[in-house]
Amino acid sequence: MTDAALTAPKKHAANPRYGSMSRDRTWALRWSYFFLILFAIFFLLPPIYMLITSLKTSAEISAARNPWWVFNPTLENYRELLTSPQYLGYFRNSAIVSVVVVVITMLISVPAAFALSRMKFWGSSTLATGVFLTYLIPETLLFLPLFKMFALFNEWTGIQLINRWWVLLILYPTLTVPFCTWIMIGYFASIPKELDEAALIDGAGWMQTLTKIFIPVALPGLIAATIFAFTVSWAQFLYPLAFTTSTEQLVLPVGIITSLIKGDVFNWGQIMTGALLGAAPPLIIYAFLMDYYISGLTAGATKG
């Protein structure tokens, strides 16, 4: 070992600027961990409270004892819901709607994103921005004109769209397609242009370039868009509340509220249980595919 290598640590140790930077970094890490722990506590308290409440009987909840402790834990709330045909029907409706909406969204957003990002034509950039801006319009403004349109459609054709669970297959893509298209535009734009140029030179068409080259390369972006579409479809509340009323047509978020709240009586134990069970599918998906989701969302930001 050379003398310079032996004396380097001593020089750093004797350098006051180096010591100051080290102390600043230490304090920055401490504050970072402090705020991370603070935010973790803040965001984990609601699901922890829901879990505690779901393990209580209605009598214990009404007794208003320590809300953060279970004196007589029970799984009765879980047993009642998991054996309830009504709750299982809500779960089935949500699963069918979410899966079909994901398929519809991908079939529309992937070709649209590919066309807007690689097949340059007049107004493509403006159209891509317009697609994203449509996502920014809240559904609280959209459901009223949509309701009126469905009523007029019923008057003209005699086909009743309201109070049908499958009408959600028409409504949900208005929320999922714009944002998923925007995600895929960013991801497709980050793929080197040499790939599609080489494919076109070899005689491949645009559809072959999309299916054989871009979709395999853009798999993280596809997963991110799929997770987003599934989450929006699974957790959507306003549209099913406005457009479905019959018990057999309800999806899980609305079904929990309408069936477990009767007048001014709130069955808090089963409400919390139903909410936890309903949150399980998205939670499992995020647990296994979080890395793909993050990389898909940030792909467009890393384009040189």
C-alpha atoms as a PDB file:
ATOM      1  CA  MET A   1       0.000   0.000   0.000  1.00  0.00           C
ATOM      2  CA  THR A   2       1.373   3.443  -0.933  1.00  0.00           C
ATOM      3  CA  ASP A   3       1.987   6.287   1.477  1.00  0.00           C
ATOM      4  CA  ALA A   4      -0.682   8.365  -0.282  1.00  0.00           C
ATOM      5  CA  ALA A   5      -3.297   5.677   0.386  1.00  0.00           C
ATOM      6  CA  LEU A   6      -2.302   5.541   4.057  1.00  0.00           C
ATOM      7  CA  THR A   7      -2.464   9.278   4.512  1.00  0.00           C
ATOM      8  CA  ALA A   8      -5.769   9.800   2.568  1.00  0.00           C
ATOM      9  CA  PRO A   9      -8.105   8.973   5.465  1.00  0.00           C
ATOM     10  CA  LYS A  10      -6.120  11.247   7.773  1.00  0.00           C
ATOM     11  CA  LYS A  11      -6.390  14.106   5.305  1.00  0.00           C
ATOM     12  CA  HIS A  12     -10.178  13.623   5.104  1.00  0.00           C
ATOM     13  CA  ALA A  13     -10.413  13.411   8.868  1.00  0.00           C
ATOM     14  CA  ALA A  14      -8.395  16.601   9.276  1.00  0.00           C
ATOM     15  CA  ASN A  15     -10.458  18.423   6.644  1.00  0.00           C
ATOM     16  CA  PRO A  16     -13.192  20.425   8.451  1.00  0.00           C
ATOM     17  CA  ARG A  17     -15.255  20.661   5.272  1.00  0.00           C
ATOM     18  CA  TYR A  18     -15.357  16.855   4.996  1.00  0.00           C
ATOM     19  CA  GLY A  19     -16.458  16.557   8.617  1.00  0.00           C
ATOM     20  CA  SER A  20     -19.180  19.139   8.095  1.00  0.00           C
ATOM     21  CA  MET A  21     -20.505  17.289   5.027  1.00  0.00           C
ATOM     22  CA  SER A  22     -20.515  14.034   6.990  1.00  0.00           C
ATOM     23  CA  ARG A  23     -22.491  15.619   9.831  1.00  0.00           C
ATOM     24  CA  ASP A  24     -24.963  17.192   7.390  1.00  0.00           C
ATOM     25  CA  ARG A  25     -25.498  13.845   5.701  1.00  0.00           C
ATOM     26  CA  THR A  26     -26.054  12.152   9.062  1.00  0.00           C
ATOM     27  CA  TRP A  27     -28.667  14.722  10.085  1.00  0.00           C
ATOM     28  CA  ALA A  28     -30.344  14.500   6.669  1.00  0.00           C
ATOM     29  CA  LEU A  29     -30.640  10.723   7.074  1.00  0.00           C
ATOM     30  CA  ARG A  30     -32.031  11.118  10.592  1.00  0.00           C
ATOM     31  CA  TRP A  31     -34.673  13.595   9.464  1.00  0.00           C
ATOM     32  CA  SER A  32     -35.530  11.390   6.487  1.00  0.00           C
ATOM     33  CA  TYR A  33     -36.088   8.373   8.716  1.00  0.00           C
ATOM     34  CA  PHE A  34     -38.065  10.501  11.164  1.00  0.00           C
ATOM     35  CA  PHE A  35     -40.495  11.696   8.509  1.00  0.00           C
ATOM     36  CA  LEU A  36     -40.695   8.241   6.905  1.00  0.00           C
ATOM     37  CA  ILE A  37     -41.666   6.726  10.248  1.00  0.00           C
ATOM     38  CA  LEU A  38     -44.122   9.570  10.853  1.00  0.00           C
ATOM     39  CA  PHE A  39     -45.814   9.084   7.470  1.00  0.00           C
ATOM     40  CA  ALA A  40     -45.824   5.298   7.905  1.00  0.00           C
ATOM     41  CA  ILE A  41     -47.618   5.644  11.236  1.00  0.00           C
ATOM     42  CA  PHE A  42     -50.060   8.158   9.770  1.00  0.00           C
ATOM     43  CA  PHE A  43     -50.988   5.972   6.792  1.00  0.00           C
ATOM     44  CA  LEU A  44     -51.010   2.636   8.637  1.00  0.00           C
ATOM     45  CA  LEU A  45     -53.272   3.739  11.478  1.00  0.00           C
ATOM     46  CA  PRO A  46     -56.537   3.515   9.455  1.00  0.00           C
ATOM     47  CA  PRO A  47     -56.030  -0.090   8.206  1.00  0.00           C
ATOM     48  CA  ILE A  48     -54.815  -1.159  11.657  1.00  0.00           C
ATOM     49  CA  TYR A  49     -57.934   0.343  13.217  1.00  0.00           C
ATOM     50  CA  MET A  50     -60.069  -1.389  10.583  1.00  0.00           C
ATOM     51  CA  LEU A  51     -58.435  -4.726  11.385  1.00  0.00           C
ATOM     52  CA  ILE A  52     -58.970  -4.246  15.119  1.00  0.00           C
ATOM     53  CA  THR A  53     -62.620  -3.300  14.604  1.00  0.00           C
ATOM     54  CA  SER A  54     -63.217  -6.268  12.295  1.00  0.00           C
ATOM     55  CA  LEU A  55     -62.190  -8.627  15.115  1.00  0.00           C
ATOM     56  CA  LYS A  56     -64.762  -7.190  17.533  1.00  0.00           C
ATOM     57  CA  THR A  57     -68.364  -8.141  18.139  1.00  0.00           C
ATOM     58  CA  SER A  58     -71.114  -5.559  17.751  1.00  0.00           C
ATOM     59  CA  ALA A  59     -71.592  -5.548  21.532  1.00  0.00           C
ATOM     60  CA  GLU A  60     -67.940  -4.735  22.148  1.00  0.00           C
ATOM     61  CA  ILE A  61     -67.989  -1.962  19.554  1.00  0.00           C
ATOM     62  CA  SER A  62     -71.134  -0.479  21.121  1.00  0.00           C
ATOM     63  CA  ALA A  63     -69.576  -0.635  24.596  1.00  0.00           C
ATOM     64  CA  ALA A  64     -67.176   2.158  23.536  1.00  0.00           C
ATOM     65  CA  ARG A  65     -64.276   0.726  25.472  1.00  0.00           C
ATOM     66  CA  ASN A  66     -60.656   1.073  24.358  1.00  0.00           C
ATOM     67  CA  PRO A  67     -60.994   1.314  20.528  1.00  0.00           C
ATOM     68  CA  TRP A  68     -57.407   0.156  19.973  1.00  0.00           C
ATOM     69  CA  TRP A  69     -57.730  -3.120  21.827  1.00  0.00           C
ATOM     70  CA  VAL A  70     -59.760  -6.295  21.258  1.00  0.00           C
ATOM     71  CA  PHE A  71     -60.966  -7.806  24.533  1.00  0.00           C
ATOM     72  CA  ASN A  72     -62.865 -10.718  22.960  1.00  0.00           C
ATOM     73  CA  PRO A  73     -61.445 -11.328  19.454  1.00  0.00           C
ATOM     74  CA  THR A  74     -63.672 -13.169  17.025  1.00  0.00           C
ATOM     75  CA  LEU A  75     -63.678 -14.109  13.342  1.00  0.00           C
ATOM     76  CA  GLU A  76     -67.468 -14.104  13.177  1.00  0.00           C
ATOM     77  CA  ASN A  77     -67.564 -11.043  10.914  1.00  0.00           C
ATOM     78  CA  TYR A  78     -65.280 -12.754   8.393  1.00  0.00           C
ATOM     79  CA  ARG A  79     -67.287 -15.981   8.549  1.00  0.00           C
ATOM     80  CA  GLU A  80     -70.595 -14.193   7.952  1.00  0.00           C
ATOM     81  CA  LEU A  81     -69.348 -12.241   4.960  1.00  0.00           C
ATOM     82  CA  LEU A  82     -67.431 -15.081   3.326  1.00  0.00           C
ATOM     83  CA  THR A  83     -70.506 -17.313   3.555  1.00  0.00           C
ATOM     84  CA  SER A  84     -72.941 -14.599   2.453  1.00  0.00           C
ATOM     85  CA  PRO A  85     -74.234 -15.107  -1.126  1.00  0.00           C
ATOM     86  CA  GLN A  86     -74.943 -11.393  -1.296  1.00  0.00           C
ATOM     87  CA  TYR A  87     -71.377 -10.353  -0.453  1.00  0.00           C
ATOM     88  CA  LEU A  88     -69.912 -13.013  -2.746  1.00  0.00           C
ATOM     89  CA  GLY A  89     -72.159 -11.668  -5.511  1.00  0.00           C
ATOM     90  CA  TYR A  90     -70.747  -8.177  -4.998  1.00  0.00           C
ATOM     91  CA  PHE A  91     -67.242  -9.622  -5.118  1.00  0.00           C
ATOM     92  CA  ARG A  92     -68.007 -11.559  -8.292  1.00  0.00           C
ATOM     93  CA  ASN A  93     -69.472  -8.496 -10.027  1.00  0.00           C
ATOM     94  CA  SER A  94     -66.420  -6.412  -9.115  1.00  0.00           C
ATOM     95  CA  ALA A  95     -64.037  -9.105 -10.337  1.00  0.00           C
ATOM     96  CA  ILE A  96     -65.816  -9.514 -13.687  1.00  0.00           C
ATOM     97  CA  VAL A  97     -66.087  -5.771 -14.279  1.00  0.00           C
ATOM     98  CA  SER A  98     -62.460  -5.106 -13.331  1.00  0.00           C
ATOM     99  CA  VAL A  99     -60.996  -7.872 -15.495  1.00  0.00           C
ATOM    100  CA  VAL A 100     -63.095  -6.971 -18.544  1.00  0.00           C
ATOM    101  CA  VAL A 101     -62.347  -3.259 -18.157  1.00  0.00           C
ATOM    102  CA  VAL A 102     -58.620  -4.033 -17.972  1.00  0.00           C
ATOM    103  CA  VAL A 103     -58.859  -6.017 -21.226  1.00  0.00           C
ATOM    104  CA  ILE A 104     -60.845  -3.264 -22.966  1.00  0.00           C
ATOM    105  CA  THR A 105     -58.446  -0.611 -21.700  1.00  0.00           C
ATOM    106  CA  MET A 106     -55.361  -2.445 -22.916  1.00  0.00           C
ATOM    107  CA  LEU A 107     -56.896  -3.182 -26.325  1.00  0.00           C
ATOM    108  CA  ILE A 108     -57.556   0.537 -26.802  1.00  0.00           C
ATOM    109  CA  SER A 109     -54.692   2.289 -25.001  1.00  0.00           C
ATOM    110  CA  VAL A 110     -51.750   0.207 -26.285  1.00  0.00           C
ATOM    111  CA  PRO A 111     -52.414   0.703 -30.042  1.00  0.00           C
ATOM    112  CA  ALA A 112     -53.390   4.333 -29.402  1.00  0.00           C
ATOM    113  CA  ALA A 113     -50.196   5.015 -27.455  1.00  0.00           C
ATOM    114  CA  PHE A 114     -48.097   3.300 -30.122  1.00  0.00           C
ATOM    115  CA  ALA A 115     -49.666   5.377 -32.869  1.00  0.00           C
ATOM    116  CA  LEU A 116     -49.294   8.653 -30.980  1.00  0.00           C
ATOM    117  CA  SER A 117     -45.698   8.032 -29.922  1.00  0.00           C
ATOM    118  CA  ARG A 118     -44.144   6.336 -32.989  1.00  0.00           C
ATOM    119  CA  MET A 119     -46.376   6.900 -36.007  1.00  0.00           C
ATOM    120  CA  LYS A 120     -45.856  10.630 -36.209  1.00  0.00           C
ATOM    121  CA  PHE A 121     -48.616  12.485 -38.016  1.00  0.00           C
ATOM    122  CA  TRP A 122     -50.028  16.000 -38.006  1.00  0.00           C
ATOM    123  CA  GLY A 123     -51.440  16.885 -34.594  1.00  0.00           C
ATOM    124  CA  SER A 124     -50.196  13.732 -32.846  1.00  0.00           C
ATOM    125  CA  SER A 125     -48.564  15.655 -29.989  1.00  0.00           C
ATOM    126  CA  THR A 126     -51.636  17.803 -29.461  1.00  0.00           C
ATOM    127  CA  LEU A 127     -53.873  14.753 -29.560  1.00  0.00           C
ATOM    128  CA  ALA A 128     -51.670  12.964 -27.013  1.00  0.00           C
ATOM    129  CA  THR A 129     -51.932  15.920 -24.640  1.00  0.00           C
ATOM    130  CA  GLY A 130     -55.676  16.083 -25.197  1.00  0.00           C
ATOM    131  CA  VAL A 131     -56.022  12.398 -24.322  1.00  0.00           C
ATOM    132  CA  PHE A 132     -54.353  13.012 -20.987  1.00  0.00           C
ATOM    133  CA  LEU A 133     -56.371  16.165 -20.280  1.00  0.00           C
ATOM    134  CA  THR A 134     -59.593  14.189 -20.581  1.00  0.00           C
ATOM    135  CA  TYR A 135     -58.438  12.157 -17.572  1.00  0.00           C
ATOM    136  CA  LEU A 136     -58.239  15.331 -15.493  1.00  0.00           C
ATOM    137  CA  ILE A 137     -61.984  15.916 -15.800  1.00  0.00           C
ATOM    138  CA  PRO A 138     -63.443  14.506 -12.544  1.00  0.00           C
ATOM    139  CA  GLU A 139     -66.187  11.921 -12.702  1.00  0.00           C
ATOM    140  CA  THR A 140     -68.276  14.141 -10.419  1.00  0.00           C
ATOM    141  CA  LEU A 141     -68.786  16.362 -13.483  1.00  0.00           C
ATOM    142  CA  LEU A 142     -69.212  13.538 -15.974  1.00  0.00           C
ATOM    143  CA  PHE A 143     -71.803  11.299 -14.355  1.00  0.00           C
ATOM    144  CA  LEU A 144     -74.629  13.849 -14.739  1.00  0.00           C
ATOM    145  CA  PRO A 145     -74.363  14.235 -18.554  1.00  0.00           C
ATOM    146  CA  LEU A 146     -73.732  10.491 -18.864  1.00  0.00           C
ATOM    147  CA  PHE A 147     -76.897   9.790 -16.884  1.00  0.00           C
ATOM    148  CA  LYS A 148     -78.840  12.112 -19.184  1.00  0.00           C
ATOM    149  CA  MET A 149     -77.352  10.460 -22.289  1.00  0.00           C
ATOM    150  CA  PHE A 150     -78.396   7.013 -21.057  1.00  0.00           C
ATOM    151  CA  ALA A 151     -81.913   8.286 -20.377  1.00  0.00           C
ATOM    152  CA  LEU A 152     -82.162   9.703 -23.923  1.00  0.00           C
ATOM    153  CA  PHE A 153     -80.765   6.472 -25.338  1.00  0.00           C
ATOM    154  CA  ASN A 154     -83.507   4.583 -23.527  1.00  0.00           C
ATOM    155  CA  GLU A 155     -86.158   6.902 -24.954  1.00  0.00           C
ATOM    156  CA  TRP A 156     -84.882   6.507 -28.517  1.00  0.00           C
ATOM    157  CA  THR A 157     -84.137   2.784 -28.569  1.00  0.00           C
ATOM    158  CA  GLY A 158     -86.033   1.304 -25.623  1.00  0.00           C
ATOM    159  CA  ILE A 159     -82.793  -0.272 -24.337  1.00  0.00           C
ATOM    160  CA  GLN A 160     -82.321   0.240 -20.621  1.00  0.00           C
ATOM    161  CA  LEU A 161     -78.676   0.861 -19.709  1.00  0.00           C
ATOM    162  CA  ILE A 162     -79.159   2.148 -16.172  1.00  0.00           C
ATOM    163  CA  ASN A 163     -79.190  -0.428 -13.355  1.00  0.00           C
ATOM    164  CA  ARG A 164     -77.143  -2.972 -15.320  1.00  0.00           C
ATOM    165  CA  TRP A 165     -73.766  -4.016 -13.997  1.00  0.00           C
ATOM    166  CA  TRP A 166     -72.395  -4.354 -17.529  1.00  0.00           C
ATOM    167  CA  VAL A 167     -73.006  -0.641 -18.162  1.00  0.00           C
ATOM    168  CA  LEU A 168     -69.915  -0.130 -16.000  1.00  0.00           C
ATOM    169  CA  LEU A 169     -67.935  -1.737 -18.838  1.00  0.00           C
ATOM    170  CA  ILE A 170     -68.836   1.338 -20.889  1.00  0.00           C
ATOM    171  CA  LEU A 171     -68.266   3.883 -18.128  1.00  0.00           C
ATOM    172  CA  TYR A 172     -65.004   2.774 -16.542  1.00  0.00           C
ATOM    173  CA  PRO A 173     -62.885   2.975 -19.721  1.00  0.00           C
ATOM    174  CA  THR A 174     -63.624   6.707 -19.815  1.00  0.00           C
ATOM    175  CA  LEU A 175     -61.459   6.871 -16.676  1.00  0.00           C
ATOM    176  CA  THR A 176     -58.842   4.231 -17.442  1.00  0.00           C
ATOM    177  CA  VAL A 177     -58.112   4.623 -21.172  1.00  0.00           C
ATOM    178  CA  PRO A 178     -56.795   8.236 -21.113  1.00  0.00           C
ATOM    179  CA  PHE A 179     -54.304   7.716 -18.290  1.00  0.00           C
ATOM    180  CA  CYS A 180     -53.176   4.282 -19.464  1.00  0.00           C
ATOM    181  CA  THR A 181     -52.629   5.705 -22.936  1.00  0.00           C
ATOM    182  CA  TRP A 182     -50.519   8.476 -21.431  1.00  0.00           C
ATOM    183  CA  ILE A 183     -48.450   5.958 -19.442  1.00  0.00           C
ATOM    184  CA  MET A 184     -47.805   3.869 -22.548  1.00  0.00           C
ATOM    185  CA  ILE A 185     -46.940   6.945 -24.644  1.00  0.00           C
ATOM    186  CA  GLY A 186     -44.180   7.783 -22.174  1.00  0.00           C
ATOM    187  CA  TYR A 187     -42.898   4.233 -22.142  1.00  0.00           C
ATOM    188  CA  PHE A 188     -42.996   3.755 -25.911  1.00  0.00           C
ATOM    189  CA  ALA A 189     -41.210   7.099 -26.358  1.00  0.00           C
ATOM    190  CA  SER A 190     -38.342   5.867 -24.159  1.00  0.00           C
ATOM    191  CA  ILE A 191     -37.671   2.882 -26.463  1.00  0.00           C
ATOM    192  CA  PRO A 192     -34.890   3.576 -29.009  1.00  0.00           C
ATOM    193  CA  LYS A 193     -36.201   4.420 -32.452  1.00  0.00           C
ATOM    194  CA  GLU A 194     -33.624   2.108 -34.017  1.00  0.00           C
ATOM    195  CA  LEU A 195     -35.769  -0.882 -33.036  1.00  0.00           C
ATOM    196  CA  ASP A 196     -38.837   0.045 -35.065  1.00  0.00           C
ATOM    197  CA  GLU A 197     -36.687   1.442 -37.894  1.00  0.00           C
ATOM    198  CA  ALA A 198     -34.842  -1.884 -38.147  1.00  0.00           C
ATOM    199  CA  ALA A 199     -38.141  -3.777 -38.086  1.00  0.00           C
ATOM    200  CA  LEU A 200     -39.589  -1.622 -40.871  1.00  0.00           C
ATOM    201  CA  ILE A 201     -36.458  -2.105 -42.960  1.00  0.00           C
ATOM    202  CA  ASP A 202     -36.798  -5.882 -42.522  1.00  0.00           C
ATOM    203  CA  GLY A 203     -40.319  -5.684 -43.923  1.00  0.00           C
ATOM    204  CA  ALA A 204     -42.391  -5.792 -40.737  1.00  0.00           C
ATOM    205  CA  GLY A 205     -45.628  -3.828 -40.630  1.00  0.00           C
ATOM    206  CA  TRP A 206     -46.637  -1.480 -37.848  1.00  0.00           C
ATOM    207  CA  MET A 207     -48.799  -4.119 -36.162  1.00  0.00           C
ATOM    208  CA  GLN A 208     -45.981  -6.662 -36.273  1.00  0.00           C
ATOM    209  CA  THR A 209     -43.592  -4.062 -34.854  1.00  0.00           C
ATOM    210  CA  LEU A 210     -46.006  -3.433 -32.011  1.00  0.00           C
ATOM    211  CA  THR A 211     -46.713  -7.073 -31.137  1.00  0.00           C
ATOM    212  CA  LYS A 212     -43.266  -8.583 -31.779  1.00  0.00           C
ATOM    213  CA  ILE A 213     -40.977  -5.804 -30.545  1.00  0.00           C
ATOM    214  CA  PHE A 214     -42.652  -3.078 -28.527  1.00  0.00           C
ATOM    215  CA  ILE A 215     -44.994  -5.100 -26.322  1.00  0.00           C
ATOM    216  CA  PRO A 216     -42.234  -7.466 -25.058  1.00  0.00           C
ATOM    217  CA  VAL A 217     -39.873  -4.538 -24.449  1.00  0.00           C
ATOM    218  CA  ALA A 218     -42.587  -2.395 -22.844  1.00  0.00           C
ATOM    219  CA  LEU A 219     -43.777  -5.100 -20.448  1.00  0.00           C
ATOM    220  CA  PRO A 220     -43.160  -2.977 -17.290  1.00  0.00           C
ATOM    221  CA  GLY A 221     -45.236  -0.178 -18.776  1.00  0.00           C
ATOM    222  CA  LEU A 222     -48.014  -2.621 -19.682  1.00  0.00           C
ATOM    223  CA  ILE A 223     -48.016  -3.960 -16.136  1.00  0.00           C
ATOM    224  CA  ALA A 224     -48.169  -0.419 -14.722  1.00  0.00           C
ATOM    225  CA  ALA A 225     -51.125   0.467 -16.951  1.00  0.00           C
ATOM    226  CA  THR A 226     -52.859  -2.820 -16.117  1.00  0.00           C
ATOM    227  CA  ILE A 227     -52.467  -2.268 -12.373  1.00  0.00           C
ATOM    228  CA  PHE A 228     -53.820   1.257 -12.678  1.00  0.00           C
ATOM    229  CA  ALA A 229     -56.837   0.155 -14.724  1.00  0.00           C
ATOM    230  CA  PHE A 230     -57.605  -2.678 -12.300  1.00  0.00           C
ATOM    231  CA  THR A 231     -57.307  -0.429  -9.249  1.00  0.00           C
ATOM    232  CA  VAL A 232     -59.591   2.241 -10.697  1.00  0.00           C
ATOM    233  CA  SER A 233     -62.154  -0.348 -11.773  1.00  0.00           C
ATOM    234  CA  TRP A 234     -62.068  -2.190  -8.468  1.00  0.00           C
ATOM    235  CA  ALA A 235     -62.298   0.873  -6.213  1.00  0.00           C
ATOM    236  CA  GLN A 236     -64.649   3.084  -8.245  1.00  0.00           C
ATOM    237  CA  PHE A 237     -67.605   4.223  -6.133  1.00  0.00           C
ATOM    238  CA  LEU A 238     -69.457   7.117  -7.778  1.00  0.00           C
ATOM    239  CA  TYR A 239     -70.371   5.516 -11.115  1.00  0.00           C
ATOM    240  CA  PRO A 240     -71.795   2.272  -9.680  1.00  0.00           C
ATOM    241  CA  LEU A 241     -73.624   4.280  -7.016  1.00  0.00           C
ATOM    242  CA  ALA A 242     -75.278   6.462  -9.669  1.00  0.00           C
ATOM    243  CA  PHE A 243     -75.957   3.850 -12.356  1.00  0.00           C
ATOM    244  CA  THR A 244     -76.816   0.671 -10.403  1.00  0.00           C
ATOM    245  CA  THR A 245     -79.474   0.275  -7.753  1.00  0.00           C
ATOM    246  CA  SER A 246     -80.622  -3.358  -7.571  1.00  0.00           C
ATOM    247  CA  THR A 247     -78.830  -5.569  -5.069  1.00  0.00           C
ATOM    248  CA  GLU A 248     -77.818  -8.182  -7.635  1.00  0.00           C
ATOM    249  CA  GLN A 249     -76.304  -5.483  -9.894  1.00  0.00           C
ATOM    250  CA  LEU A 250     -74.079  -3.831  -7.279  1.00  0.00           C
ATOM    251  CA  VAL A 251     -70.298  -4.071  -7.142  1.00  0.00           C
ATOM    252  CA  LEU A 252     -68.296  -4.407  -3.950  1.00  0.00           C
ATOM    253  CA  PRO A 253     -67.646  -0.757  -2.893  1.00  0.00           C
ATOM    254  CA  VAL A 254     -71.308   0.213  -3.197  1.00  0.00           C
ATOM    255  CA  GLY A 255     -72.649  -3.150  -2.005  1.00  0.00           C
ATOM    256  CA  ILE A 256     -70.815  -2.919   1.309  1.00  0.00           C
ATOM    257  CA  ILE A 257     -72.316   0.478   2.071  1.00  0.00           C
ATOM    258  CA  THR A 258     -75.865  -0.212   0.938  1.00  0.00           C
ATOM    259  CA  SER A 259     -76.244  -3.638   2.568  1.00  0.00           C
ATOM    260  CA  LEU A 260     -74.409  -3.084   5.859  1.00  0.00           C
ATOM    261  CA  ILE A 261     -75.825   0.365   6.653  1.00  0.00           C
ATOM    262  CA  LYS A 262     -79.528   0.147   7.415  1.00  0.00           C
ATOM    263  CA  GLY A 263     -81.018   3.496   8.277  1.00  0.00           C
ATOM    264  CA  ASP A 264     -79.023   4.889  11.167  1.00  0.00           C
ATOM    265  CA  VAL A 265     -77.655   1.470  12.164  1.00  0.00           C
ATOM    266  CA  PHE A 266     -74.027   0.925  11.162  1.00  0.00           C
ATOM    267  CA  ASN A 267     -72.689  -2.611  11.379  1.00  0.00           C
ATOM    268  CA  TRP A 268     -69.135  -1.403  11.861  1.00  0.00           C
ATOM    269  CA  GLY A 269     -67.591  -4.814  12.380  1.00  0.00           C
ATOM    270  CA  GLN A 270     -68.780  -6.176   9.047  1.00  0.00           C
ATOM    271  CA  ILE A 271     -68.206  -2.854   7.261  1.00  0.00           C
ATOM    272  CA  MET A 272     -64.551  -2.898   8.274  1.00  0.00           C
ATOM    273  CA  THR A 273     -64.298  -6.598   7.431  1.00  0.00           C
ATOM    274  CA  GLY A 274     -65.805  -6.087   3.998  1.00  0.00           C
ATOM    275  CA  ALA A 275     -63.502  -3.147   3.313  1.00  0.00           C
ATOM    276  CA  LEU A 276     -60.425  -5.165   4.300  1.00  0.00           C
ATOM    277  CA  LEU A 277     -61.453  -8.135   2.173  1.00  0.00           C
ATOM    278  CA  GLY A 278     -62.185  -5.807  -0.730  1.00  0.00           C
ATOM    279  CA  ALA A 279     -58.755  -4.198  -0.417  1.00  0.00           C
ATOM    280  CA  ALA A 280     -56.993  -7.572  -0.527  1.00  0.00           C
ATOM    281  CA  PRO A 281     -56.827  -8.113  -4.350  1.00  0.00           C
ATOM    282  CA  PRO A 282     -55.215  -4.732  -5.175  1.00  0.00           C
ATOM    283  CA  LEU A 283     -52.912  -5.103  -2.182  1.00  0.00           C
ATOM    284  CA  ILE A 284     -51.713  -8.512  -3.362  1.00  0.00           C
ATOM    285  CA  ILE A 285     -51.171  -7.212  -6.898  1.00  0.00           C
ATOM    286  CA  TYR A 286     -49.147  -4.224  -5.682  1.00  0.00           C
ATOM    287  CA  ALA A 287     -47.099  -6.413  -3.339  1.00  0.00           C
ATOM    288  CA  PHE A 288     -45.862  -8.596  -6.201  1.00  0.00           C
ATOM    289  CA  LEU A 289     -45.707  -6.072  -9.041  1.00  0.00           C
ATOM    290  CA  MET A 290     -44.718  -2.802  -7.342  1.00  0.00           C
ATOM    291  CA  ASP A 291     -41.298  -2.652  -9.036  1.00  0.00           C
ATOM    292  CA  TYR A 292     -42.889  -2.972 -12.477  1.00  0.00           C
ATOM    293  CA  TYR A 293     -45.462  -0.335 -11.572  1.00  0.00           C
ATOM    294  CA  ILE A 294     -42.840   2.209 -10.495  1.00  0.00           C
ATOM    295  CA  SER A 295     -40.586   1.564 -13.496  1.00  0.00           C
ATOM    296  CA  GLY A 296     -43.548   1.850 -15.853  1.00  0.00           C
ATOM    297  CA  LEU A 297     -44.650   5.179 -14.389  1.00  0.00           C
ATOM    298  CA  THR A 298     -41.151   6.690 -14.423  1.00  0.00           C
ATOM    299  CA  ALA A 299     -40.029   5.397 -17.830  1.00  0.00           C
ATOM    300  CA  GLY A 300     -41.023   8.536 -19.704  1.00  0.00           C
ATOM    301  CA  ALA A 301     -39.115  10.748 -17.254  1.00  0.00           C
ATOM    302  CA  THR A 302     -35.824   8.977 -17.988  1.00  0.00           C
ATOM    303  CA  LYS A 303     -35.912   9.513 -21.733  1.00  0.00           C
ATOM    304  CA  GLY A 304     -32.835  11.406 -22.898  1.00  0.00           C
END
